[in-house]
Amino acid sequence: MVKLKITTKGQVTLKREVLDHFGAKPGDDIEIVLLPKGEGNIHAIGRKLPIKSLFGMFAYKAKRTHSIDEINDVIEAGWAGEVKY
């Protein structure tokens, strides 16, 4: 458990241990989700990445490609309730 002190201005300084735990870096934002009964969840919001870093993110590296006819056969089998892989 990490204890933090509240200043007279109502501010809290997060210790390095806490920032390291969240993986927070300078320039990142911290978000606190307020919950009932005076509780909350705190987590770091990472820096925004350039759009270029998202290219190819969901690329699937298949061992082989399938023809349109093969894909249509599997779709038809699925609609017919047959299991065909």
Protein backbone atom coordinates (compact mmCIF):
# COMPACT_ATOMS: atom_id res chain seq x y z
CA MET A 1 0.00 0.00 0.00
CA VAL A 2 1.24 3.48 -0.82
CA LYS A 3 0.13 6.43 1.31
CA LEU A 4 -0.01 9.92 -0.16
CA LYS A 5 -0.42 13.25 1.64
CA ILE A 6 -2.88 15.94 0.62
CA THR A 7 -1.43 19.46 0.69
CA THR A 8 -3.28 22.49 2.05
CA LYS A 9 -4.08 23.34 -1.59
CA GLY A 10 -5.83 19.97 -1.98
CA GLN A 11 -3.12 18.55 -4.21
CA VAL A 12 -1.54 15.10 -4.17
CA THR A 13 1.86 14.19 -5.59
CA LEU A 14 2.08 10.64 -6.92
CA LYS A 15 5.26 8.84 -5.90
CA ARG A 16 7.60 7.34 -8.50
CA GLU A 17 6.58 3.87 -7.28
CA VAL A 18 2.95 4.58 -8.20
CA LEU A 19 3.81 6.07 -11.60
CA ASP A 20 6.05 3.11 -12.43
CA HIS A 21 3.27 0.69 -11.44
CA PHE A 22 0.87 2.39 -13.87
CA GLY A 23 3.52 2.67 -16.57
CA ALA A 24 2.93 6.42 -16.64
CA LYS A 25 5.49 8.60 -18.40
CA PRO A 26 5.91 12.39 -18.41
CA GLY A 27 3.12 13.91 -20.50
CA ASP A 28 0.66 11.06 -19.81
CA ASP A 29 -2.68 11.75 -18.17
CA ILE A 30 -4.04 10.03 -15.06
CA GLU A 31 -7.76 9.25 -14.89
CA ILE A 32 -9.73 8.60 -11.73
CA VAL A 33 -13.12 6.92 -12.01
CA LEU A 34 -15.25 8.00 -9.06
CA LEU A 35 -17.21 5.16 -7.47
CA PRO A 36 -19.90 5.12 -4.77
CA LYS A 37 -18.98 5.22 -1.06
CA GLY A 38 -15.99 7.54 -1.55
CA GLU A 39 -13.98 5.04 -3.59
CA GLY A 40 -12.37 5.32 -7.00
CA ASN A 41 -10.23 3.58 -9.60
CA ILE A 42 -7.12 5.27 -10.90
CA HIS A 43 -5.21 4.45 -14.09
CA ALA A 44 -2.82 6.05 -16.52
CA ILE A 45 -3.95 7.10 -19.97
CA GLY A 46 -1.11 6.58 -22.42
CA ARG A 47 0.14 9.10 -24.89
CA LYS A 48 -1.57 9.35 -28.24
CA LEU A 49 0.18 7.35 -30.93
CA PRO A 50 0.65 8.57 -34.48
CA ILE A 51 -1.87 7.06 -36.91
CA LYS A 52 1.00 5.40 -38.77
CA SER A 53 1.61 3.10 -35.81
CA LEU A 54 -1.83 1.52 -36.33
CA PHE A 55 -1.22 0.36 -39.90
CA GLY A 56 -1.05 -3.42 -40.07
CA MET A 57 -2.23 -3.77 -36.48
CA PHE A 58 -4.89 -6.32 -37.37
CA ALA A 59 -3.03 -7.99 -40.22
CA TYR A 60 -3.60 -11.73 -40.21
CA LYS A 61 -0.69 -13.79 -41.35
CA ALA A 62 -2.44 -16.83 -42.85
CA LYS A 63 -0.50 -19.90 -43.92
CA ARG A 64 -2.43 -19.94 -47.16
CA THR A 65 -5.12 -17.95 -48.91
CA HIS A 66 -8.59 -19.20 -49.77
CA SER A 67 -10.42 -18.78 -53.04
CA ILE A 68 -13.80 -17.08 -53.29
CA ASP A 69 -15.38 -20.46 -54.06
CA GLU A 70 -13.89 -21.99 -50.89
CA ILE A 71 -15.11 -19.06 -48.81
CA ASN A 72 -18.60 -19.31 -50.31
CA ASP A 73 -18.70 -23.07 -49.62
CA VAL A 74 -17.91 -22.47 -45.96
CA ILE A 75 -20.54 -19.72 -45.73
CA GLU A 76 -23.19 -21.96 -47.30
CA ALA A 77 -22.29 -24.82 -44.96
CA GLY A 78 -22.58 -22.49 -41.99
CA TRP A 79 -26.04 -21.35 -43.03
CA ALA A 80 -27.08 -24.97 -43.58
CA GLY A 81 -25.97 -25.84 -40.03
CA GLU A 82 -23.11 -28.06 -41.18
CA VAL A 83 -19.72 -27.83 -39.57
CA LYS A 84 -17.12 -27.38 -42.28
CA TYR A 85 -13.65 -26.02 -41.68
